[in-house]
Amino acid sequence: MNLAAKLAEKFRVGFIDLDIYGPNAHLLLGLPEVPAVEQGEMLVPPAIDVDGRKMQFMSMAMFMPEGVGLAIKAEYVLDIIRTIIEFTRWDVDLVVVDMPPGSQDVVNYTLSLVAPRAEAILVTEPHRMSLSDCLRLYDILKLKEVELAAVVLNKYNLFKGAQEFERIIESVMKVPIVKVDWTPELQEKLMPDLYEELAEVVL
């Protein structure tokens, strides 16, 4: 979300919160209420203001009353994801998608809808338990013809062996790495320099 907001300084940007069961990006955006989406033959995402920058926004929250859970099967989730991606009329230069959490079939399906014109940013933590997951996901991205643009290593200063993790990722994936140290300030305030760096890496 913050990357999308940073890119909106120079580009016309769309942002999709693709968490179908628990959409909450609208809360992080500081919206007093979920904006309405125009519905016709195509969905028309509303333009929202983010610190003086306009950004088109789509979220499942636009179709769910606050506090109402979505108790549906995974196959219906795939239909919703397809509708949001393929039946939205974007008037933008690029769209940033916050990928859905959950089972790998949902991730695979989403990647199949956006590939091969998409780039991915892999966000992880530099510890031993996540290395295998990162390498497996990287293999899936290649299989789906989704180019990996960058890797973000969260909480870099908290893990022993972070430098070795970074070395392995860099040697295998050969993409820029953005390291984010954990600090109390990061919890209290967004760090614009970080998103500036990430935006430059992606572009």
Protein backbone atom coordinates (compact mmCIF):
# COMPACT_ATOMS: atom_id res chain seq x y z
CA MET A 1 0.00 0.00 0.00
CA ASN A 2 2.79 2.41 0.90
CA LEU A 3 4.67 1.48 -2.28
CA ALA A 4 1.54 2.29 -4.30
CA ALA A 5 1.22 5.64 -2.52
CA LYS A 6 4.86 6.44 -3.27
CA LEU A 7 4.51 5.52 -6.93
CA ALA A 8 1.42 7.76 -7.11
CA GLU A 9 3.74 10.77 -6.80
CA LYS A 10 4.83 10.22 -10.40
CA PHE A 11 2.30 7.85 -11.95
CA ARG A 12 -1.41 7.16 -12.16
CA VAL A 13 -1.68 4.21 -9.80
CA GLY A 14 -4.30 1.64 -8.89
CA PHE A 15 -4.14 -0.43 -5.71
CA ILE A 16 -5.98 -3.70 -5.01
CA ASP A 17 -6.37 -5.15 -1.52
CA LEU A 18 -6.82 -8.76 -2.59
CA ASP A 19 -7.37 -10.19 0.89
CA ILE A 20 -10.85 -11.56 0.28
CA TYR A 21 -11.65 -12.81 3.78
CA GLY A 22 -10.09 -9.97 5.77
CA PRO A 23 -9.71 -6.79 3.71
CA ASN A 24 -8.37 -3.91 5.82
CA ALA A 25 -6.26 -1.68 3.58
CA HIS A 26 -8.99 0.97 3.72
CA LEU A 27 -8.33 1.28 7.46
CA LEU A 28 -4.60 1.78 6.89
CA LEU A 29 -5.42 4.39 4.25
CA GLY A 30 -7.31 6.33 6.90
CA LEU A 31 -10.60 6.27 5.03
CA PRO A 32 -13.50 7.24 7.30
CA GLU A 33 -15.68 4.78 5.40
CA VAL A 34 -15.28 2.30 2.57
CA PRO A 35 -15.75 4.17 -0.73
CA ALA A 36 -18.42 3.02 -3.13
CA VAL A 37 -17.49 1.31 -6.38
CA GLU A 38 -19.52 2.01 -9.50
CA GLN A 39 -21.00 -1.18 -10.90
CA GLY A 40 -22.13 -1.75 -14.45
CA GLU A 41 -20.71 -3.92 -17.21
CA MET A 42 -17.35 -3.16 -15.58
CA LEU A 43 -16.38 -2.17 -12.03
CA VAL A 44 -15.07 1.39 -11.83
CA PRO A 45 -12.72 1.86 -8.87
CA PRO A 46 -13.12 5.08 -6.88
CA ALA A 47 -10.28 7.60 -6.82
CA ILE A 48 -9.15 8.22 -3.25
CA ASP A 49 -6.83 10.86 -1.83
CA VAL A 50 -3.61 9.69 -0.15
CA ASP A 51 -1.68 12.64 1.26
CA GLY A 52 -2.69 14.82 -1.65
CA ARG A 53 -2.14 12.12 -4.28
CA LYS A 54 -4.98 10.46 -6.17
CA MET A 55 -5.02 6.68 -6.34
CA GLN A 56 -7.66 4.30 -7.67
CA PHE A 57 -8.60 1.69 -5.09
CA MET A 58 -10.34 -1.67 -5.09
CA SER A 59 -11.10 -3.94 -2.15
CA MET A 60 -13.50 -6.69 -1.18
CA ALA A 61 -14.43 -4.42 1.72
CA MET A 62 -16.48 -2.39 -0.77
CA PHE A 63 -18.87 -5.31 -1.07
CA MET A 64 -18.97 -6.44 2.58
CA PRO A 65 -20.60 -4.54 5.46
CA GLU A 66 -18.20 -3.86 8.33
CA GLY A 67 -18.16 -6.76 10.80
CA VAL A 68 -19.69 -9.27 8.40
CA GLY A 69 -17.57 -12.38 7.74
CA LEU A 70 -17.29 -14.14 4.41
CA ALA A 71 -17.90 -17.87 4.91
CA ILE A 72 -17.44 -19.17 1.38
CA LYS A 73 -15.44 -21.98 -0.21
CA ALA A 74 -12.07 -21.44 -1.89
CA GLU A 75 -13.48 -21.99 -5.39
CA TYR A 76 -15.77 -18.99 -4.94
CA VAL A 77 -12.82 -16.92 -3.76
CA LEU A 78 -11.18 -17.63 -7.11
CA ASP A 79 -14.28 -16.26 -8.89
CA ILE A 80 -14.12 -13.08 -6.79
CA ILE A 81 -10.42 -12.60 -7.52
CA ARG A 82 -11.04 -13.05 -11.25
CA THR A 83 -13.88 -10.54 -11.16
CA ILE A 84 -11.81 -7.92 -9.34
CA ILE A 85 -8.81 -8.30 -11.68
CA GLU A 86 -10.47 -8.85 -15.05
CA PHE A 87 -13.67 -6.82 -14.71
CA THR A 88 -12.31 -3.58 -13.29
CA ARG A 89 -11.88 -0.61 -15.61
CA TRP A 90 -8.59 0.99 -14.57
CA ASP A 91 -7.52 4.40 -15.87
CA VAL A 92 -3.95 4.13 -14.58
CA ASP A 93 -0.35 3.54 -15.62
CA LEU A 94 0.16 0.61 -13.26
CA VAL A 95 -1.69 -1.46 -10.67
CA VAL A 96 -0.17 -2.63 -7.37
CA VAL A 97 -1.73 -5.81 -5.99
CA ASP A 98 -1.45 -6.82 -2.34
CA MET A 99 -1.57 -10.57 -2.89
CA PRO A 100 -4.11 -12.68 -0.98
CA PRO A 101 -2.93 -14.71 1.99
CA GLY A 102 -3.98 -18.31 2.20
CA SER A 103 -3.54 -21.51 0.27
CA GLN A 104 -1.11 -21.89 -2.61
CA ASP A 105 -3.90 -22.60 -5.11
CA VAL A 106 -5.27 -19.09 -4.54
CA VAL A 107 -1.80 -17.59 -5.04
CA ASN A 108 -1.22 -19.71 -8.16
CA TYR A 109 -4.56 -18.69 -9.62
CA THR A 110 -3.93 -15.01 -8.97
CA LEU A 111 -0.49 -15.21 -10.59
CA SER A 112 -2.00 -16.90 -13.64
CA LEU A 113 -4.37 -13.94 -14.09
CA VAL A 114 -1.65 -11.28 -14.01
CA ALA A 115 1.23 -13.13 -15.74
CA PRO A 116 3.28 -12.60 -17.80
CA ARG A 117 2.92 -8.81 -17.71
CA ALA A 118 3.46 -8.59 -13.95
CA GLU A 119 6.42 -8.12 -11.65
CA ALA A 120 6.52 -9.39 -8.08
CA ILE A 121 8.08 -8.14 -4.86
CA LEU A 122 8.86 -10.90 -2.39
CA VAL A 123 8.55 -9.74 1.23
CA THR A 124 10.11 -12.02 3.84
CA GLU A 125 12.26 -12.19 6.96
CA PRO A 126 15.92 -13.32 6.83
CA HIS A 127 15.79 -16.41 8.99
CA ARG A 128 16.41 -20.06 8.28
CA MET A 129 12.76 -21.13 8.40
CA SER A 130 11.76 -18.80 5.58
CA LEU A 131 14.61 -19.59 3.18
CA SER A 132 13.03 -22.78 1.82
CA ASP A 133 9.68 -21.00 1.36
CA CYS A 134 11.36 -18.15 -0.53
CA LEU A 135 13.17 -20.49 -2.90
CA ARG A 136 9.99 -22.47 -3.58
CA LEU A 137 7.96 -19.32 -4.24
CA TYR A 138 10.68 -18.01 -6.54
CA ASP A 139 10.43 -21.24 -8.54
CA ILE A 140 6.65 -20.77 -8.82
CA LEU A 141 7.11 -17.17 -10.04
CA LYS A 142 9.40 -18.43 -12.80
CA LEU A 143 6.91 -21.16 -13.69
CA LYS A 144 4.13 -18.55 -13.95
CA GLU A 145 6.38 -16.17 -15.95
CA VAL A 146 6.16 -13.47 -13.30
CA GLU A 147 9.39 -11.51 -13.05
CA LEU A 148 10.78 -10.92 -9.57
CA ALA A 149 11.68 -7.22 -9.24
CA ALA A 150 13.01 -7.11 -5.68
CA VAL A 151 13.18 -8.85 -2.31
CA VAL A 152 12.34 -7.02 0.92
CA LEU A 153 13.95 -8.38 4.07
CA ASN A 154 11.91 -7.26 7.06
CA LYS A 155 13.39 -7.04 10.61
CA TYR A 156 16.87 -7.51 9.16
CA ASN A 157 18.65 -6.56 12.40
CA LEU A 158 16.77 -9.07 14.55
CA PHE A 159 18.06 -12.31 13.05
CA LYS A 160 21.45 -13.95 13.36
CA GLY A 161 22.58 -15.20 9.99
CA ALA A 162 20.74 -12.46 8.09
CA GLN A 163 23.83 -11.71 6.01
CA GLU A 164 24.14 -15.35 4.95
CA PHE A 165 20.43 -15.42 4.08
CA GLU A 166 20.93 -12.27 2.01
CA ARG A 167 23.93 -13.80 0.22
CA ILE A 168 21.98 -16.94 -0.75
CA ILE A 169 18.95 -14.98 -1.96
CA GLU A 170 21.14 -12.60 -3.95
CA SER A 171 23.12 -15.41 -5.59
CA VAL A 172 20.01 -17.39 -6.55
CA MET A 173 17.54 -14.64 -7.48
CA LYS A 174 19.95 -11.94 -8.67
CA VAL A 175 17.60 -9.06 -7.86
CA PRO A 176 17.95 -5.93 -5.70
CA ILE A 177 17.42 -6.47 -1.98
CA VAL A 178 15.84 -3.85 0.28
CA LYS A 179 16.72 -4.35 3.96
CA VAL A 180 14.39 -3.03 6.65
CA ASP A 181 15.68 -2.90 10.21
CA TRP A 182 13.16 -3.13 13.02
CA THR A 183 13.03 0.09 15.04
CA PRO A 184 10.39 1.58 17.37
CA GLU A 185 10.08 4.46 14.89
CA LEU A 186 9.00 2.05 12.18
CA GLN A 187 6.07 1.01 14.34
CA GLU A 188 5.04 4.57 15.10
CA LYS A 189 5.67 6.25 11.76
CA LEU A 190 6.02 5.31 8.13
CA MET A 191 9.54 5.75 6.79
CA PRO A 192 9.37 7.54 3.40
CA ASP A 193 13.03 6.86 2.56
CA LEU A 194 12.32 3.14 2.59
CA TYR A 195 9.50 3.40 0.06
CA GLU A 196 11.54 5.81 -2.06
CA GLU A 197 14.25 3.15 -2.27
CA LEU A 198 11.76 0.41 -3.05
CA ALA A 199 10.02 2.50 -5.73
CA GLU A 200 13.37 3.21 -7.40
CA VAL A 201 14.22 -0.49 -7.33
CA VAL A 202 10.91 -1.49 -8.89
CA LEU A 203 11.11 1.11 -11.64
